[in-house]
Amino acid sequence: MAQQNTPPCAQPEAGQFDFWLGSWELTWPGGQGGTPEGQQGKGRNVIERILGSCVIQENFSRADSSYIGKSWTVYSAGKGLWQQTWVDNSGGYLLFTGEFKAGRMELCTAPFERNGKTFISRMVFHNIQENSFDWDWQRSADEGQSWQDLWNIRYERMKDKG
C-alpha cells in the first residue's frame, strides 16, 4: 500500500492569512506610529509567501523610510496556532502567537514587564474585505481584560498600474 504524504502547509488553516497577501498602501492618524499630531501617517506593506509557501513574509516601511520592519509568520499545525517573529530598524524583536476566530486574526505577545508593570501587546486584523482591512496595535495592563489602542492602520490594496 502506497503511503500518502501530505504536502507541507496543506492544512486549511494555513490559508487563513491569505487575505493579507499582496501590496498595500497604509494610512493612520497623526499622533500614532511616530507620526506627529495633525499629520496623517503613510506607509507601505508588501506581503508574500516564501519557502514553499509555508512562510508569510512581511516588508513594512513608513513612507519616509524612518521605520522599516519585517516579519515571518507560519501556521503551526502541531500547536493549532499562528506564530510570528517581527524585527525592525529600531532593534525591535517581538514574538507573537494567535489564531483566526470570528472573522478576526489576533496575535499576542507573552506577558512582559516594563517599569514595574506587566503588559501584553497584540495586533488585531479585522473588518477584512477583499481589498481592505483594519489593523490595530493594542496593549493591555490587566491580563487582557481591556485593551488600549496604540496604532490603528487602514490597509488599502494597491491598484495595478496599467
Protein backbone atom coordinates (compact mmCIF):
# COMPACT_ATOMS: atom_id res chain seq x y z
CA MET A 1 0.00 0.00 0.00
CA ALA A 2 1.45 3.36 -1.01
CA GLN A 3 1.91 5.92 1.71
CA GLN A 4 0.30 9.30 1.06
CA ASN A 5 2.37 12.30 2.02
CA THR A 6 0.55 15.48 2.91
CA PRO A 7 2.34 18.44 1.39
CA PRO A 8 3.79 20.86 3.93
CA CYS A 9 1.44 23.69 4.84
CA ALA A 10 -1.54 21.98 3.15
CA GLN A 11 -3.92 22.16 6.09
CA PRO A 12 -6.88 24.53 5.51
CA GLU A 13 -5.86 26.74 8.44
CA ALA A 14 -2.62 27.59 6.63
CA GLY A 15 -4.72 29.73 4.27
CA GLN A 16 -6.28 31.90 6.99
CA PHE A 17 -3.78 34.70 6.38
CA ASP A 18 -4.25 34.76 2.59
CA PHE A 19 -6.28 37.98 2.86
CA TRP A 20 -3.01 39.72 3.86
CA LEU A 21 -1.05 38.71 0.75
CA GLY A 22 -0.26 41.46 -1.73
CA SER A 23 0.91 45.07 -1.84
CA TRP A 24 -0.79 47.58 0.45
CA GLU A 25 -0.97 51.33 0.96
CA LEU A 26 -1.29 52.21 4.65
CA THR A 27 -2.69 55.24 6.45
CA TRP A 28 -3.05 56.05 10.14
CA PRO A 29 -3.98 59.03 12.34
CA GLY A 30 -1.44 61.62 13.46
CA GLY A 31 -0.04 61.01 16.91
CA GLN A 32 0.32 57.27 16.22
CA GLY A 33 3.19 55.20 14.85
CA GLY A 34 5.70 58.01 15.29
CA THR A 35 3.67 60.44 13.17
CA PRO A 36 3.25 63.99 14.57
CA GLU A 37 -0.22 65.16 15.60
CA GLY A 38 -2.08 66.79 12.74
CA GLN A 39 -0.30 64.77 10.03
CA GLN A 40 -1.63 61.58 8.50
CA GLY A 41 0.79 58.68 8.70
CA LYS A 42 1.52 56.81 5.49
CA GLY A 43 3.36 53.65 4.64
CA ARG A 44 3.54 50.56 2.53
CA ASN A 45 3.49 46.84 3.24
CA VAL A 46 4.25 44.01 0.83
CA ILE A 47 3.21 40.53 1.95
CA GLU A 48 4.26 37.35 0.13
CA ARG A 49 4.56 33.62 0.65
CA ILE A 50 8.10 32.20 0.64
CA LEU A 51 9.87 28.91 1.43
CA GLY A 52 7.49 26.59 -0.40
CA SER A 53 4.55 28.84 0.50
CA CYS A 54 4.91 27.79 4.15
CA VAL A 55 6.09 31.19 5.42
CA ILE A 56 4.42 34.58 5.04
CA GLN A 57 6.97 37.38 4.80
CA GLU A 58 6.05 40.99 5.61
CA ASN A 59 8.02 44.03 4.37
CA PHE A 60 6.75 47.16 6.16
CA SER A 61 8.01 50.72 5.73
CA ARG A 62 6.85 54.19 6.60
CA ALA A 63 6.60 56.44 3.55
CA ASP A 64 9.73 58.33 4.66
CA SER A 65 11.60 55.05 5.42
CA SER A 66 12.23 56.20 9.01
CA TYR A 67 10.77 52.93 10.30
CA ILE A 68 11.22 49.64 8.46
CA GLY A 69 10.34 46.17 9.67
CA LYS A 70 9.95 42.59 8.57
CA SER A 71 8.02 39.66 9.92
CA TRP A 72 7.83 35.96 9.22
CA THR A 73 4.58 34.19 10.02
CA VAL A 74 3.85 30.46 9.97
CA TYR A 75 0.95 28.22 10.90
CA SER A 76 1.97 25.58 13.42
CA ALA A 77 -0.34 22.62 12.82
CA GLY A 78 1.02 20.89 15.93
CA LYS A 79 0.00 23.82 18.14
CA GLY A 80 -3.03 24.88 16.11
CA LEU A 81 -1.74 28.46 16.27
CA TRP A 82 -0.10 31.10 14.13
CA GLN A 83 3.39 32.20 15.14
CA GLN A 84 5.14 35.40 14.04
CA THR A 85 8.59 36.88 14.51
CA TRP A 86 8.96 40.66 13.98
CA VAL A 87 12.22 42.62 13.64
CA ASP A 88 12.79 46.27 12.75
CA ASN A 89 15.36 49.01 12.24
CA SER A 90 14.93 50.27 15.81
CA GLY A 91 16.28 46.98 17.17
CA GLY A 92 12.78 45.71 17.92
CA TYR A 93 12.26 41.96 18.21
CA LEU A 94 8.84 40.56 19.07
CA LEU A 95 7.31 37.09 19.11
CA PHE A 96 3.57 36.54 18.67
CA THR A 97 1.14 33.63 18.76
CA GLY A 98 -2.53 33.66 17.94
CA GLU A 99 -5.42 32.46 15.87
CA PHE A 100 -8.14 33.39 13.44
CA LYS A 101 -11.57 33.43 15.04
CA ALA A 102 -14.87 35.22 14.49
CA GLY A 103 -13.56 36.86 11.30
CA ARG A 104 -10.51 38.39 13.06
CA MET A 105 -6.86 37.44 13.25
CA GLU A 106 -5.40 38.12 16.70
CA LEU A 107 -1.72 37.66 17.57
CA CYS A 108 -0.41 38.37 21.08
CA THR A 109 2.95 38.63 22.80
CA ALA A 110 3.69 36.79 26.01
CA PRO A 111 3.33 39.00 29.11
CA PHE A 112 6.31 41.31 29.67
CA GLU A 113 7.36 43.80 32.34
CA ARG A 114 8.09 47.47 31.84
CA ASN A 115 8.57 50.00 34.66
CA GLY A 116 7.28 47.52 37.23
CA LYS A 117 4.04 46.78 35.34
CA THR A 118 3.08 43.69 33.37
CA PHE A 119 1.73 44.17 29.84
CA ILE A 120 0.55 42.12 26.89
CA SER A 121 0.66 43.50 23.34
CA ARG A 122 -1.47 42.30 20.48
CA MET A 123 -2.25 43.01 16.86
CA VAL A 124 -5.75 42.57 15.51
CA PHE A 125 -6.63 42.26 11.82
CA HIS A 126 -10.36 43.00 11.40
CA ASN A 127 -13.01 44.46 9.07
CA ILE A 128 -11.42 42.16 6.49
CA GLN A 129 -12.61 42.76 2.92
CA GLU A 130 -11.10 41.71 -0.42
CA ASN A 131 -9.19 44.98 -0.89
CA SER A 132 -9.02 46.48 2.59
CA PHE A 133 -8.88 45.78 6.31
CA ASP A 134 -8.03 47.45 9.60
CA TRP A 135 -5.04 46.59 11.80
CA ASP A 136 -4.82 47.63 15.44
CA TRP A 137 -1.78 47.55 17.73
CA GLN A 138 -3.01 47.34 21.31
CA ARG A 139 -1.69 46.93 24.84
CA SER A 140 -3.27 45.54 27.99
CA ALA A 141 -2.15 46.15 31.58
CA ASP A 142 -4.84 43.89 33.10
CA GLU A 143 -4.06 40.48 31.58
CA GLY A 144 -6.22 41.10 28.50
CA GLN A 145 -9.38 42.24 30.25
CA SER A 146 -9.20 45.60 28.46
CA TRP A 147 -7.10 46.95 25.60
CA GLN A 148 -5.68 50.37 24.74
CA ASP A 149 -5.26 51.29 21.07
CA LEU A 150 -1.72 52.46 20.27
CA TRP A 151 -1.69 52.37 16.46
CA ASN A 152 -4.64 51.97 14.07
CA ILE A 153 -3.69 51.34 10.45
CA ARG A 154 -6.04 51.21 7.48
CA TYR A 155 -4.84 48.87 4.73
CA GLU A 156 -5.93 49.51 1.11
CA ARG A 157 -4.77 47.14 -1.62
CA MET A 158 -2.52 48.90 -4.13
CA LYS A 159 -4.07 49.21 -7.57
CA ASP A 160 -2.29 47.65 -10.52
CA LYS A 161 -0.77 50.31 -12.73
CA GLY A 162 -1.59 49.72 -16.33
